[in-house]
Amino acid sequence: MKPIDRRYKFEECAFERVRAHGGERAISFARVLSRNRGSLRFIDLSVLPPGADIGAHTHATDNEELYVVISGKGLMTLDGQEFEVGPGDVVLNQPGGTHGLLNVGDEELRIVVVEVSQP
């Protein structure tokens, strides 16, 4: 039986530059995993240069996202509230919720984004 490989590496992914959800400046992201089955939809590493943002957007009610801050400093908008985030913070963007993220620091803001489907 062939072994199942469940280990993924961001450094083996190609980064893309995008203006995420209407953000003011481009960010880079690498999708380490994308699936069309099960509850896990994707896992990304997103890199926001100083002053760049993921524009405020509202998710459908069939999914939710986790933002895990790896490095840097950001200003998170979550359902009308704003607060700073930094390394080690985990933010849950619930189904139907509105969120956005701005890099307010002098260095790159790196986050891992995990999206899962909801029944």
Protein backbone atom coordinates (compact mmCIF):
# COMPACT_ATOMS: atom_id res chain seq x y z
CA MET A 1 0.00 0.00 0.00
CA LYS A 2 1.33 3.44 -0.95
CA PRO A 3 1.87 5.81 2.04
CA ILE A 4 -0.32 8.90 2.27
CA ASP A 5 1.69 12.13 2.40
CA ARG A 6 0.10 14.63 4.82
CA ARG A 7 3.04 16.98 5.26
CA TYR A 8 3.01 20.27 3.37
CA LYS A 9 5.62 23.05 3.11
CA PHE A 10 4.96 26.67 2.25
CA GLU A 11 8.48 27.06 0.83
CA GLU A 12 7.56 24.53 -1.86
CA CYS A 13 4.61 26.69 -3.01
CA ALA A 14 4.61 29.48 -5.55
CA PHE A 15 3.62 32.86 -4.11
CA GLU A 16 1.02 34.93 -5.98
CA ARG A 17 0.52 38.69 -5.64
CA VAL A 18 -3.08 39.86 -5.33
CA ARG A 19 -5.17 42.74 -4.05
CA ALA A 20 -7.09 40.70 -1.53
CA HIS A 21 -10.80 41.51 -1.25
CA GLY A 22 -10.36 45.04 -2.63
CA GLY A 23 -7.39 45.90 -0.41
CA GLU A 24 -5.42 49.09 -1.09
CA ARG A 25 -2.07 47.35 -1.76
CA ALA A 26 -1.06 43.93 -3.04
CA ILE A 27 -0.21 41.07 -0.70
CA SER A 28 1.47 37.73 -1.47
CA PHE A 29 0.04 34.35 -0.65
CA ALA A 30 0.99 30.71 -1.10
CA ARG A 31 -1.70 28.04 -1.06
CA VAL A 32 -0.20 24.95 0.54
CA LEU A 33 -3.40 22.93 0.38
CA SER A 34 -6.65 23.17 -1.58
CA ARG A 35 -9.40 20.57 -1.42
CA ASN A 36 -12.89 20.07 -2.80
CA ARG A 37 -13.83 17.34 -0.33
CA GLY A 38 -14.25 17.16 3.41
CA SER A 39 -14.53 20.21 5.64
CA LEU A 40 -11.03 21.65 5.06
CA ARG A 41 -11.08 23.93 1.99
CA PHE A 42 -7.63 25.55 1.98
CA ILE A 43 -4.55 26.57 3.94
CA ASP A 44 -2.64 29.71 2.87
CA LEU A 45 0.38 31.65 4.03
CA SER A 46 -0.35 35.35 3.44
CA VAL A 47 2.36 38.01 3.60
CA LEU A 48 1.26 41.64 3.95
CA PRO A 49 3.97 44.29 3.43
CA PRO A 50 3.84 47.38 5.67
CA GLY A 51 0.65 49.34 4.90
CA ALA A 52 -0.95 46.52 2.88
CA ASP A 53 -4.30 45.03 3.79
CA ILE A 54 -6.86 42.32 3.22
CA GLY A 55 -9.96 44.40 2.51
CA ALA A 56 -13.02 44.07 4.70
CA HIS A 57 -15.30 41.37 3.30
CA THR A 58 -18.22 39.24 4.42
CA HIS A 59 -18.12 35.47 4.16
CA ALA A 60 -20.98 33.25 3.14
CA THR A 61 -22.64 31.26 5.89
CA ASP A 62 -21.18 27.98 4.59
CA ASN A 63 -17.58 28.59 5.75
CA GLU A 64 -15.38 30.06 8.45
CA GLU A 65 -11.72 31.04 8.59
CA LEU A 66 -8.95 31.02 11.14
CA TYR A 67 -6.22 33.66 10.93
CA VAL A 68 -3.05 32.62 12.78
CA VAL A 69 -0.55 35.48 13.14
CA ILE A 70 3.02 34.23 12.69
CA SER A 71 4.91 37.55 12.71
CA GLY A 72 4.35 41.29 12.45
CA LYS A 73 1.64 43.56 13.77
CA GLY A 74 -1.83 44.15 12.35
CA LEU A 75 -5.10 45.93 12.95
CA MET A 76 -7.94 43.42 12.67
CA THR A 77 -11.51 44.44 11.91
CA LEU A 78 -13.95 41.77 13.04
CA ASP A 79 -17.71 42.31 12.88
CA GLY A 80 -17.39 46.06 13.48
CA GLN A 81 -14.69 45.90 16.17
CA GLU A 82 -11.02 46.82 15.69
CA PHE A 83 -8.10 45.45 17.69
CA GLU A 84 -4.37 44.85 17.29
CA VAL A 85 -3.02 41.40 16.57
CA GLY A 86 0.50 40.01 16.76
CA PRO A 87 2.49 36.78 16.82
CA GLY A 88 0.59 33.92 18.43
CA ASP A 89 -2.86 35.48 18.01
CA VAL A 90 -5.57 33.31 16.46
CA VAL A 91 -8.74 35.00 15.16
CA LEU A 92 -11.89 33.09 14.23
CA ASN A 93 -13.87 34.63 11.38
CA GLN A 94 -17.28 33.03 11.80
CA PRO A 95 -19.75 32.07 9.05
CA GLY A 96 -21.46 35.18 7.71
CA GLY A 97 -18.97 37.42 9.54
CA THR A 98 -17.20 40.49 8.19
CA HIS A 99 -13.45 40.93 8.64
CA GLY A 100 -10.36 42.63 7.28
CA LEU A 101 -6.71 43.05 8.27
CA LEU A 102 -4.22 45.93 7.89
CA ASN A 103 -0.47 45.72 8.47
CA VAL A 104 0.24 48.61 10.87
CA GLY A 105 3.86 47.65 11.56
CA ASP A 106 7.21 48.39 9.93
CA GLU A 107 7.83 44.78 8.90
CA GLU A 108 5.92 42.10 7.00
CA LEU A 109 2.79 40.70 8.63
CA ARG A 110 2.64 36.93 8.09
CA ILE A 111 -0.52 34.95 8.73
CA VAL A 112 -1.70 31.43 8.07
CA VAL A 113 -5.31 31.33 6.85
CA VAL A 114 -7.33 28.13 7.21
CA GLU A 115 -10.81 27.91 5.71
CA VAL A 116 -13.27 25.16 6.61
CA SER A 117 -16.77 24.51 5.38
CA GLN A 118 -19.81 24.51 7.64
CA PRO A 119 -22.86 22.28 7.20
